[in-house]
PDB file of all heavy atoms in Angstrom:
ATOM      1  N   GLU A   1      95.681  66.794  98.651  1.00  0.00           N
ATOM      2  CA  GLU A   1      95.116  67.108  99.894  1.00  0.00           C
ATOM      3  C   GLU A   1      96.045  67.476 100.945  1.00  0.00           C
ATOM      4  O   GLU A   1      95.836  68.366 101.716  1.00  0.00           O
ATOM      5  CB  GLU A   1      94.164  65.986 100.333  1.00  0.00           C
ATOM      6  CG  GLU A   1      93.098  65.565  99.390  1.00  0.00           C
ATOM      7  CD  GLU A   1      92.585  64.154  99.762  1.00  0.00           C
ATOM      8  OE1 GLU A   1      91.670  64.156 100.694  1.00  0.00           O
ATOM      9  OE2 GLU A   1      93.003  63.315  99.173  1.00  0.00           O
ATOM     10  N   LEU A   2      97.164  66.727 101.039  1.00  0.00           N
ATOM     11  CA  LEU A   2      98.252  66.937 102.040  1.00  0.00           C
ATOM     12  C   LEU A   2      98.893  68.287 101.805  1.00  0.00           C
ATOM     13  O   LEU A   2      99.046  69.071 102.713  1.00  0.00           O
ATOM     14  CB  LEU A   2      99.244  65.785 101.912  1.00  0.00           C
ATOM     15  CG  LEU A   2     100.215  65.689 102.946  1.00  0.00           C
ATOM     16  CD1 LEU A   2      99.751  65.701 104.281  1.00  0.00           C
ATOM     17  CD2 LEU A   2     101.018  64.414 102.714  1.00  0.00           C
ATOM     18  N   MET A   3      99.236  68.493 100.537  1.00  0.00           N
ATOM     19  CA  MET A   3      99.845  69.842 100.259  1.00  0.00           C
ATOM     20  C   MET A   3      98.893  71.038 100.671  1.00  0.00           C
ATOM     21  O   MET A   3      99.316  72.023 101.089  1.00  0.00           O
ATOM     22  CB  MET A   3     100.204  69.879  98.766  1.00  0.00           C
ATOM     23  CG  MET A   3     101.405  69.003  98.474  1.00  0.00           C
ATOM     24  SD  MET A   3     102.968  69.378  99.333  1.00  0.00           S
ATOM     25  CE  MET A   3     103.257  70.929  98.723  1.00  0.00           C
ATOM     26  N   ALA A   4      97.594  70.850 100.244  1.00  0.00           N
ATOM     27  CA  ALA A   4      96.694  71.949 100.589  1.00  0.00           C
ATOM     28  C   ALA A   4      96.559  72.121 102.095  1.00  0.00           C
ATOM     29  O   ALA A   4      96.434  73.248 102.495  1.00  0.00           O
ATOM     30  CB  ALA A   4      95.242  71.573  99.989  1.00  0.00           C
ATOM     31  N   ALA A   5      96.575  71.097 102.798  1.00  0.00           N
ATOM     32  CA  ALA A   5      96.472  71.189 104.300  1.00  0.00           C
ATOM     33  C   ALA A   5      97.674  71.892 104.875  1.00  0.00           C
ATOM     34  O   ALA A   5      97.543  72.788 105.676  1.00  0.00           O
ATOM     35  CB  ALA A   5      96.364  69.753 104.944  1.00  0.00           C
ATOM     36  N   ILE A   6      98.917  71.622 104.362  1.00  0.00           N
ATOM     37  CA  ILE A   6     100.152  72.222 104.808  1.00  0.00           C
ATOM     38  C   ILE A   6     100.154  73.677 104.360  1.00  0.00           C
ATOM     39  O   ILE A   6     100.506  74.525 105.187  1.00  0.00           O
ATOM     40  CB  ILE A   6     101.370  71.503 104.256  1.00  0.00           C
ATOM     41  CG1 ILE A   6     101.447  70.037 104.952  1.00  0.00           C
ATOM     42  CG2 ILE A   6     102.630  72.306 104.424  1.00  0.00           C
ATOM     43  CD1 ILE A   6     102.584  69.202 104.371  1.00  0.00           C
ATOM     44  N   ASP A   7      99.688  73.946 103.226  1.00  0.00           N
ATOM     45  CA  ASP A   7      99.584  75.405 102.761  1.00  0.00           C
ATOM     46  C   ASP A   7      98.643  76.226 103.580  1.00  0.00           C
ATOM     47  O   ASP A   7      98.698  77.383 103.712  1.00  0.00           O
ATOM     48  CB  ASP A   7      99.192  75.459 101.265  1.00  0.00           C
ATOM     49  CG  ASP A   7     100.332  74.966 100.292  1.00  0.00           C
ATOM     50  OD1 ASP A   7     101.488  74.805 100.733  1.00  0.00           O
ATOM     51  OD2 ASP A   7     100.011  74.741  99.220  1.00  0.00           O
ATOM     52  N   ALA A   8      97.574  75.576 104.131  1.00  0.00           N
ATOM     53  CA  ALA A   8      96.572  76.175 104.986  1.00  0.00           C
ATOM     54  C   ALA A   8      96.991  76.300 106.424  1.00  0.00           C
ATOM     55  O   ALA A   8      96.151  76.642 107.239  1.00  0.00           O
ATOM     56  CB  ALA A   8      95.227  75.569 104.809  1.00  0.00           C
ATOM     57  N   GLY A   9      98.235  75.783 106.747  1.00  0.00           N
ATOM     58  CA  GLY A   9      98.665  75.967 108.072  1.00  0.00           C
ATOM     59  C   GLY A   9      98.536  74.783 109.027  1.00  0.00           C
ATOM     60  O   GLY A   9      98.497  74.862 110.230  1.00  0.00           O
ATOM     61  N   ALA A  10      98.431  73.574 108.391  1.00  0.00           N
ATOM     62  CA  ALA A  10      98.308  72.302 109.195  1.00  0.00           C
ATOM     63  C   ALA A  10      99.488  72.153 110.147  1.00  0.00           C
ATOM     64  O   ALA A  10     100.637  72.607 109.774  1.00  0.00           O
ATOM     65  CB  ALA A  10      98.230  71.128 108.268  1.00  0.00           C
ATOM     66  N   SER A  11      99.321  71.502 111.167  1.00  0.00           N
ATOM     67  CA  SER A  11     100.352  71.165 112.100  1.00  0.00           C
ATOM     68  C   SER A  11     101.159  70.020 111.538  1.00  0.00           C
ATOM     69  O   SER A  11     100.546  69.045 111.098  1.00  0.00           O
ATOM     70  CB  SER A  11      99.796  70.708 113.459  1.00  0.00           C
ATOM     71  OG  SER A  11     100.644  70.186 114.290  1.00  0.00           O
ATOM     72  N   VAL A  12     102.557  70.224 111.571  1.00  0.00           N
ATOM     73  CA  VAL A  12     103.371  69.111 110.845  1.00  0.00           C
ATOM     74  C   VAL A  12     104.353  68.720 112.026  1.00  0.00           C
ATOM     75  O   VAL A  12     105.044  69.498 112.546  1.00  0.00           O
ATOM     76  CB  VAL A  12     104.097  69.680 109.731  1.00  0.00           C
ATOM     77  CG1 VAL A  12     105.013  68.645 109.141  1.00  0.00           C
ATOM     78  CG2 VAL A  12     103.126  70.149 108.544  1.00  0.00           C
ATOM     79  N   ARG A  13     104.450  67.370 112.311  1.00  0.00           N
ATOM     80  CA  ARG A  13     105.350  66.838 113.277  1.00  0.00           C
ATOM     81  C   ARG A  13     105.892  65.626 112.803  1.00  0.00           C
ATOM     82  O   ARG A  13     105.253  64.724 112.244  1.00  0.00           O
ATOM     83  CB  ARG A  13     104.629  66.616 114.616  1.00  0.00           C
ATOM     84  CG  ARG A  13     105.536  66.150 115.687  1.00  0.00           C
ATOM     85  CD  ARG A  13     104.719  65.954 117.046  1.00  0.00           C
ATOM     86  NE  ARG A  13     103.662  64.879 116.928  1.00  0.00           N
ATOM     87  CZ  ARG A  13     104.059  63.511 117.175  1.00  0.00           C
ATOM     88  NH1 ARG A  13     105.275  63.139 117.344  1.00  0.00           N
ATOM     89  NH2 ARG A  13     103.097  62.644 117.134  1.00  0.00           N
ATOM     90  N   LYS A  14     107.293  65.513 112.796  1.00  0.00           N
ATOM     91  CA  LYS A  14     108.033  64.361 112.459  1.00  0.00           C
ATOM     92  C   LYS A  14     108.282  63.535 113.786  1.00  0.00           C
ATOM     93  O   LYS A  14     108.739  64.133 114.731  1.00  0.00           O
ATOM     94  CB  LYS A  14     109.386  64.755 111.786  1.00  0.00           C
ATOM     95  CG  LYS A  14     110.131  63.531 111.365  1.00  0.00           C
ATOM     96  CD  LYS A  14     111.414  63.983 110.663  1.00  0.00           C
ATOM     97  CE  LYS A  14     112.196  62.861 110.198  1.00  0.00           C
ATOM     98  NZ  LYS A  14     113.382  63.277 109.474  1.00  0.00           N
ATOM     99  N   ASP A  15     108.070  62.181 113.650  1.00  0.00           N
ATOM    100  CA  ASP A  15     108.344  61.420 114.749  1.00  0.00           C
ATOM    101  C   ASP A  15     109.919  61.419 114.985  1.00  0.00           C
ATOM    102  O   ASP A  15     110.672  61.201 113.934  1.00  0.00           O
ATOM    103  CB  ASP A  15     107.857  59.965 114.443  1.00  0.00           C
ATOM    104  CG  ASP A  15     107.833  59.005 115.678  1.00  0.00           C
ATOM    105  OD1 ASP A  15     108.817  59.156 116.564  1.00  0.00           O
ATOM    106  OD2 ASP A  15     106.995  58.219 115.848  1.00  0.00           O
ATOM    107  N   GLU A  16     110.317  61.689 116.139  1.00  0.00           N
ATOM    108  CA  GLU A  16     111.776  61.776 116.437  1.00  0.00           C
ATOM    109  C   GLU A  16     112.589  60.466 116.343  1.00  0.00           C
ATOM    110  O   GLU A  16     113.788  60.405 116.113  1.00  0.00           O
ATOM    111  CB  GLU A  16     111.985  62.412 117.719  1.00  0.00           C
ATOM    112  CG  GLU A  16     111.595  63.810 117.809  1.00  0.00           C
ATOM    113  CD  GLU A  16     111.765  64.369 119.148  1.00  0.00           C
ATOM    114  OE1 GLU A  16     112.436  63.824 120.028  1.00  0.00           O
ATOM    115  OE2 GLU A  16     111.236  65.535 119.390  1.00  0.00           O
ATOM    116  N   ARG A  17     111.809  59.252 116.444  1.00  0.00           N
ATOM    117  CA  ARG A  17     112.451  58.071 116.301  1.00  0.00           C
ATOM    118  C   ARG A  17     112.624  57.768 114.866  1.00  0.00           C
ATOM    119  O   ARG A  17     111.966  58.108 113.968  1.00  0.00           O
ATOM    120  CB  ARG A  17     111.433  56.930 116.953  1.00  0.00           C
ATOM    121  CG  ARG A  17     111.150  57.152 118.358  1.00  0.00           C
ATOM    122  CD  ARG A  17     110.187  56.245 118.823  1.00  0.00           C
ATOM    123  NE  ARG A  17     108.878  56.528 118.062  1.00  0.00           N
ATOM    124  CZ  ARG A  17     107.780  55.785 118.101  1.00  0.00           C
ATOM    125  NH1 ARG A  17     107.778  54.714 118.847  1.00  0.00           N
ATOM    126  NH2 ARG A  17     106.706  56.167 117.512  1.00  0.00           N
ATOM    127  N   GLN A  18     113.748  57.019 114.666  1.00  0.00           N
ATOM    128  CA  GLN A  18     114.040  56.453 113.308  1.00  0.00           C
ATOM    129  C   GLN A  18     113.648  55.037 113.339  1.00  0.00           C
ATOM    130  O   GLN A  18     114.397  54.248 114.086  1.00  0.00           O
ATOM    131  CB  GLN A  18     115.473  56.780 112.831  1.00  0.00           C
ATOM    132  CG  GLN A  18     115.690  56.514 111.341  1.00  0.00           C
ATOM    133  CD  GLN A  18     116.926  57.107 110.903  1.00  0.00           C
ATOM    134  OE1 GLN A  18     117.837  57.385 111.634  1.00  0.00           O
ATOM    135  NE2 GLN A  18     117.015  57.447 109.540  1.00  0.00           N
ATOM    136  N   LEU A  19     112.621  54.619 112.726  1.00  0.00           N
ATOM    137  CA  LEU A  19     112.148  53.265 112.864  1.00  0.00           C
ATOM    138  C   LEU A  19     112.492  52.327 111.651  1.00  0.00           C
ATOM    139  O   LEU A  19     112.612  52.882 110.528  1.00  0.00           O
ATOM    140  CB  LEU A  19     110.586  53.317 112.988  1.00  0.00           C
ATOM    141  CG  LEU A  19     110.058  54.151 114.105  1.00  0.00           C
ATOM    142  CD1 LEU A  19     108.550  54.321 113.839  1.00  0.00           C
ATOM    143  CD2 LEU A  19     110.379  53.494 115.386  1.00  0.00           C
ATOM    144  N   MET A  20     112.812  51.076 111.958  1.00  0.00           N
ATOM    145  CA  MET A  20     113.114  50.184 110.851  1.00  0.00           C
ATOM    146  C   MET A  20     111.829  49.541 110.280  1.00  0.00           C
ATOM    147  O   MET A  20     110.894  49.284 111.069  1.00  0.00           O
ATOM    148  CB  MET A  20     114.149  49.054 111.236  1.00  0.00           C
ATOM    149  CG  MET A  20     115.490  49.631 111.717  1.00  0.00           C
ATOM    150  SD  MET A  20     116.334  50.558 110.495  1.00  0.00           S
ATOM    151  CE  MET A  20     116.749  49.225 109.318  1.00  0.00           C
ATOM    152  N   VAL A  21     111.767  49.293 109.064  1.00  0.00           N
ATOM    153  CA  VAL A  21     110.583  48.665 108.364  1.00  0.00           C
ATOM    154  C   VAL A  21     110.188  47.405 109.217  1.00  0.00           C
ATOM    155  O   VAL A  21     108.993  47.164 109.400  1.00  0.00           O
ATOM    156  CB  VAL A  21     110.803  48.419 106.946  1.00  0.00           C
ATOM    157  CG1 VAL A  21     109.698  47.507 106.394  1.00  0.00           C
ATOM    158  CG2 VAL A  21     110.830  49.674 106.194  1.00  0.00           C
ATOM    159  N   GLY A  22     111.170  46.650 109.573  1.00  0.00           N
ATOM    160  CA  GLY A  22     110.836  45.331 110.277  1.00  0.00           C
ATOM    161  C   GLY A  22     109.998  45.477 111.558  1.00  0.00           C
ATOM    162  O   GLY A  22     109.310  44.639 111.964  1.00  0.00           O
ATOM    163  N   ARG A  23     110.105  46.656 112.165  1.00  0.00           N
ATOM    164  CA  ARG A  23     109.418  46.922 113.355  1.00  0.00           C
ATOM    165  C   ARG A  23     107.963  47.381 113.140  1.00  0.00           C
ATOM    166  O   ARG A  23     107.155  47.300 114.007  1.00  0.00           O
ATOM    167  CB  ARG A  23     110.189  47.887 114.305  1.00  0.00           C
ATOM    168  CG  ARG A  23     111.497  47.350 114.660  1.00  0.00           C
ATOM    169  CD  ARG A  23     112.026  48.070 116.009  1.00  0.00           C
ATOM    170  NE  ARG A  23     110.960  47.999 116.947  1.00  0.00           N
ATOM    171  CZ  ARG A  23     111.140  48.404 118.207  1.00  0.00           C
ATOM    172  NH1 ARG A  23     112.287  49.044 118.476  1.00  0.00           N
ATOM    173  NH2 ARG A  23     110.227  48.396 119.100  1.00  0.00           N
ATOM    174  N   LEU A  24     107.707  47.892 111.862  1.00  0.00           N
ATOM    175  CA  LEU A  24     106.335  48.425 111.602  1.00  0.00           C
ATOM    176  C   LEU A  24     105.594  47.534 110.761  1.00  0.00           C
ATOM    177  O   LEU A  24     104.334  47.652 110.918  1.00  0.00           O
ATOM    178  CB  LEU A  24     106.557  49.648 110.777  1.00  0.00           C
ATOM    179  CG  LEU A  24     107.190  50.949 111.472  1.00  0.00           C
ATOM    180  CD1 LEU A  24     107.346  51.989 110.480  1.00  0.00           C
ATOM    181  CD2 LEU A  24     106.334  51.332 112.489  1.00  0.00           C
ATOM    182  N   ILE A  25     106.130  46.621 109.948  1.00  0.00           N
ATOM    183  CA  ILE A  25     105.327  45.944 108.937  1.00  0.00           C
ATOM    184  C   ILE A  25     104.262  44.978 109.591  1.00  0.00           C
ATOM    185  O   ILE A  25     103.089  44.962 109.121  1.00  0.00           O
ATOM    186  CB  ILE A  25     106.221  45.146 107.997  1.00  0.00           C
ATOM    187  CG1 ILE A  25     105.400  44.737 106.806  1.00  0.00           C
ATOM    188  CG2 ILE A  25     106.964  43.927 108.724  1.00  0.00           C
ATOM    189  CD1 ILE A  25     106.255  44.335 105.649  1.00  0.00           C
ATOM    190  N   GLY A  26     104.596  44.386 110.674  1.00  0.00           N
ATOM    191  CA  GLY A  26     103.545  43.517 111.320  1.00  0.00           C
ATOM    192  C   GLY A  26     102.321  44.274 111.836  1.00  0.00           C
ATOM    193  O   GLY A  26     101.178  43.901 111.631  1.00  0.00           O
ATOM    194  N   THR A  27     102.515  45.379 112.426  1.00  0.00           N
ATOM    195  CA  THR A  27     101.420  46.279 112.839  1.00  0.00           C
ATOM    196  C   THR A  27     100.515  46.626 111.689  1.00  0.00           C
ATOM    197  O   THR A  27      99.274  46.527 111.809  1.00  0.00           O
ATOM    198  CB  THR A  27     102.038  47.475 113.526  1.00  0.00           C
ATOM    199  OG1 THR A  27     102.720  47.081 114.738  1.00  0.00           O
ATOM    200  CG2 THR A  27     100.797  48.527 113.973  1.00  0.00           C
ATOM    201  N   TYR A  28     101.071  47.016 110.522  1.00  0.00           N
ATOM    202  CA  TYR A  28     100.359  47.486 109.454  1.00  0.00           C
ATOM    203  C   TYR A  28      99.672  46.392 108.702  1.00  0.00           C
ATOM    204  O   TYR A  28      98.666  46.430 108.158  1.00  0.00           O
ATOM    205  CB  TYR A  28     101.166  48.400 108.511  1.00  0.00           C
ATOM    206  CG  TYR A  28     101.220  49.780 109.254  1.00  0.00           C
ATOM    207  CD1 TYR A  28     102.484  50.182 109.743  1.00  0.00           C
ATOM    208  CD2 TYR A  28     100.163  50.589 109.299  1.00  0.00           C
ATOM    209  CE1 TYR A  28     102.629  51.485 110.347  1.00  0.00           C
ATOM    210  CE2 TYR A  28     100.228  51.898 110.005  1.00  0.00           C
ATOM    211  CZ  TYR A  28     101.483  52.304 110.465  1.00  0.00           C
ATOM    212  OH  TYR A  28     101.710  53.538 111.063  1.00  0.00           O
ATOM    213  N   GLU A  29     100.369  45.163 108.753  1.00  0.00           N
ATOM    214  CA  GLU A  29      99.680  43.966 108.173  1.00  0.00           C
ATOM    215  C   GLU A  29      98.453  43.620 108.856  1.00  0.00           C
ATOM    216  O   GLU A  29      97.422  43.287 108.327  1.00  0.00           O
ATOM    217  CB  GLU A  29     100.670  42.796 108.100  1.00  0.00           C
ATOM    218  CG  GLU A  29     101.673  42.892 107.102  1.00  0.00           C
ATOM    219  CD  GLU A  29     102.727  41.864 107.146  1.00  0.00           C
ATOM    220  OE1 GLU A  29     102.980  41.261 108.238  1.00  0.00           O
ATOM    221  OE2 GLU A  29     103.350  41.637 106.029  1.00  0.00           O
ATOM    222  N   ILE A  30      98.496  43.726 110.222  1.00  0.00           N
ATOM    223  CA  ILE A  30      97.302  43.443 111.064  1.00  0.00           C
ATOM    224  C   ILE A  30      96.175  44.517 110.836  1.00  0.00           C
ATOM    225  O   ILE A  30      95.068  44.153 110.556  1.00  0.00           O
ATOM    226  CB  ILE A  30      97.720  43.457 112.575  1.00  0.00           C
ATOM    227  CG1 ILE A  30      98.555  42.217 112.833  1.00  0.00           C
ATOM    228  CG2 ILE A  30      96.409  43.469 113.446  1.00  0.00           C
ATOM    229  CD1 ILE A  30      99.165  42.183 114.274  1.00  0.00           C
ATOM    230  N   ARG A  31      96.560  45.768 110.788  1.00  0.00           N
ATOM    231  CA  ARG A  31      95.626  46.816 110.452  1.00  0.00           C
ATOM    232  C   ARG A  31      94.957  46.635 109.067  1.00  0.00           C
ATOM    233  O   ARG A  31      93.761  46.872 108.914  1.00  0.00           O
ATOM    234  CB  ARG A  31      96.316  48.199 110.672  1.00  0.00           C
ATOM    235  CG  ARG A  31      96.658  48.605 112.033  1.00  0.00           C
ATOM    236  CD  ARG A  31      97.214  50.027 112.104  1.00  0.00           C
ATOM    237  NE  ARG A  31      96.260  50.950 111.716  1.00  0.00           N
ATOM    238  CZ  ARG A  31      96.501  52.263 111.538  1.00  0.00           C
ATOM    239  NH1 ARG A  31      97.674  52.677 111.756  1.00  0.00           N
ATOM    240  NH2 ARG A  31      95.568  53.072 111.244  1.00  0.00           N
ATOM    241  N   LEU A  32      95.730  46.190 108.163  1.00  0.00           N
ATOM    242  CA  LEU A  32      95.152  45.934 106.795  1.00  0.00           C
ATOM    243  C   LEU A  32      94.203  44.804 106.846  1.00  0.00           C
ATOM    244  O   LEU A  32      93.165  44.905 106.275  1.00  0.00           O
ATOM    245  CB  LEU A  32      96.345  45.612 105.843  1.00  0.00           C
ATOM    246  CG  LEU A  32      95.950  45.162 104.460  1.00  0.00           C
ATOM    247  CD1 LEU A  32      95.134  46.334 103.747  1.00  0.00           C
ATOM    248  CD2 LEU A  32      97.149  44.740 103.533  1.00  0.00           C
ATOM    249  N   ARG A  33      94.454  43.700 107.545  1.00  0.00           N
ATOM    250  CA  ARG A  33      93.549  42.572 107.595  1.00  0.00           C
ATOM    251  C   ARG A  33      92.262  43.016 108.249  1.00  0.00           C
ATOM    252  O   ARG A  33      91.176  42.673 107.810  1.00  0.00           O
ATOM    253  CB  ARG A  33      94.179  41.366 108.366  1.00  0.00           C
ATOM    254  CG  ARG A  33      95.250  40.581 107.483  1.00  0.00           C
ATOM    255  CD  ARG A  33      95.596  39.248 108.027  1.00  0.00           C
ATOM    256  NE  ARG A  33      96.273  39.354 109.346  1.00  0.00           N
ATOM    257  CZ  ARG A  33      97.527  39.414 109.565  1.00  0.00           C
ATOM    258  NH1 ARG A  33      98.287  39.421 108.550  1.00  0.00           N
ATOM    259  NH2 ARG A  33      98.055  39.491 110.803  1.00  0.00           N
ATOM    260  N   LEU A  34      92.377  43.808 109.321  1.00  0.00           N
ATOM    261  CA  LEU A  34      91.182  44.263 109.960  1.00  0.00           C
ATOM    262  C   LEU A  34      90.354  45.172 109.029  1.00  0.00           C
ATOM    263  O   LEU A  34      89.091  45.165 108.961  1.00  0.00           O
ATOM    264  CB  LEU A  34      91.514  45.073 111.311  1.00  0.00           C
ATOM    265  CG  LEU A  34      91.996  44.173 112.436  1.00  0.00           C
ATOM    266  CD1 LEU A  34      92.594  44.998 113.617  1.00  0.00           C
ATOM    267  CD2 LEU A  34      90.955  43.327 112.940  1.00  0.00           C
ATOM    268  N   ALA A  35      91.035  46.118 108.364  1.00  0.00           N
ATOM    269  CA  ALA A  35      90.336  47.079 107.475  1.00  0.00           C
ATOM    270  C   ALA A  35      89.681  46.248 106.309  1.00  0.00           C
ATOM    271  O   ALA A  35      88.564  46.535 105.932  1.00  0.00           O
ATOM    272  CB  ALA A  35      91.303  48.071 106.823  1.00  0.00           C
ATOM    273  N   GLN A  36      90.358  45.286 105.847  1.00  0.00           N
ATOM    274  CA  GLN A  36      89.698  44.405 104.721  1.00  0.00           C
ATOM    275  C   GLN A  36      88.503  43.650 105.244  1.00  0.00           C
ATOM    276  O   GLN A  36      87.493  43.577 104.574  1.00  0.00           O
ATOM    277  CB  GLN A  36      90.767  43.503 104.175  1.00  0.00           C
ATOM    278  CG  GLN A  36      91.845  44.132 103.282  1.00  0.00           C
ATOM    279  CD  GLN A  36      92.962  43.215 102.936  1.00  0.00           C
ATOM    280  OE1 GLN A  36      93.281  42.240 103.787  1.00  0.00           O
ATOM    281  NE2 GLN A  36      93.649  43.493 101.874  1.00  0.00           N
ATOM    282  N   ALA A  37      88.629  43.109 106.393  1.00  0.00           N
ATOM    283  CA  ALA A  37      87.523  42.331 106.977  1.00  0.00           C
ATOM    284  C   ALA A  37      86.272  43.211 107.346  1.00  0.00           C
ATOM    285  O   ALA A  37      85.117  42.842 107.198  1.00  0.00           O
ATOM    286  CB  ALA A  37      87.916  41.578 108.230  1.00  0.00           C
ATOM    287  N   GLN A  38      86.512  44.415 107.658  1.00  0.00           N
ATOM    288  CA  GLN A  38      85.436  45.439 107.981  1.00  0.00           C
ATOM    289  C   GLN A  38      85.008  46.320 106.879  1.00  0.00           C
ATOM    290  O   GLN A  38      84.218  47.043 107.016  1.00  0.00           O
ATOM    291  CB  GLN A  38      85.933  46.277 109.172  1.00  0.00           C
ATOM    292  CG  GLN A  38      86.052  45.478 110.389  1.00  0.00           C
ATOM    293  CD  GLN A  38      86.811  46.283 111.476  1.00  0.00           C
ATOM    294  OE1 GLN A  38      87.114  47.535 111.378  1.00  0.00           O
ATOM    295  NE2 GLN A  38      87.066  45.738 112.706  1.00  0.00           N
ATOM    296  N   GLY A  39      85.782  46.163 105.684  1.00  0.00           N
ATOM    297  CA  GLY A  39      85.373  46.921 104.467  1.00  0.00           C
ATOM    298  C   GLY A  39      85.625  48.354 104.678  1.00  0.00           C
ATOM    299  O   GLY A  39      84.996  49.238 104.065  1.00  0.00           O
ATOM    300  N   GLN A  40      86.587  48.770 105.461  1.00  0.00           N
ATOM    301  CA  GLN A  40      86.995  50.173 105.670  1.00  0.00           C
ATOM    302  C   GLN A  40      87.546  50.747 104.387  1.00  0.00           C
ATOM    303  O   GLN A  40      88.366  50.133 103.694  1.00  0.00           O
ATOM    304  CB  GLN A  40      87.916  50.359 106.895  1.00  0.00           C
ATOM    305  CG  GLN A  40      87.306  49.916 108.147  1.00  0.00           C
ATOM    306  CD  GLN A  40      88.332  49.993 109.282  1.00  0.00           C
ATOM    307  OE1 GLN A  40      89.566  50.295 109.125  1.00  0.00           O
ATOM    308  NE2 GLN A  40      87.806  49.681 110.478  1.00  0.00           N
ATOM    309  N   PRO A  41      87.295  52.093 104.208  1.00  0.00           N
ATOM    310  CA  PRO A  41      87.913  52.704 102.954  1.00  0.00           C
ATOM    311  C   PRO A  41      89.383  52.847 103.019  1.00  0.00           C
ATOM    312  O   PRO A  41      90.062  52.942 102.086  1.00  0.00           O
ATOM    313  CB  PRO A  41      87.209  54.192 102.945  1.00  0.00           C
ATOM    314  CG  PRO A  41      86.317  54.196 104.092  1.00  0.00           C
ATOM    315  CD  PRO A  41      86.376  52.891 104.860  1.00  0.00           C
ATOM    316  N   ALA A  42      89.994  52.764 104.245  1.00  0.00           N
ATOM    317  CA  ALA A  42      91.472  52.937 104.359  1.00  0.00           C
ATOM    318  C   ALA A  42      92.253  51.701 103.976  1.00  0.00           C
ATOM    319  O   ALA A  42      93.401  51.775 103.862  1.00  0.00           O
ATOM    320  CB  ALA A  42      91.746  53.209 105.904  1.00  0.00           C
TER     321      ALA A  42
END
């Protein structure tokens, strides 16, 4: 799906920051717990 979107002219932007996993993991663990509790497809 991602390749098809890019081939069709999707906007592509790279975050200019270089982030360390340690700064991201807590945020995504919280988002995962919320998604699991709410039964979200994500």
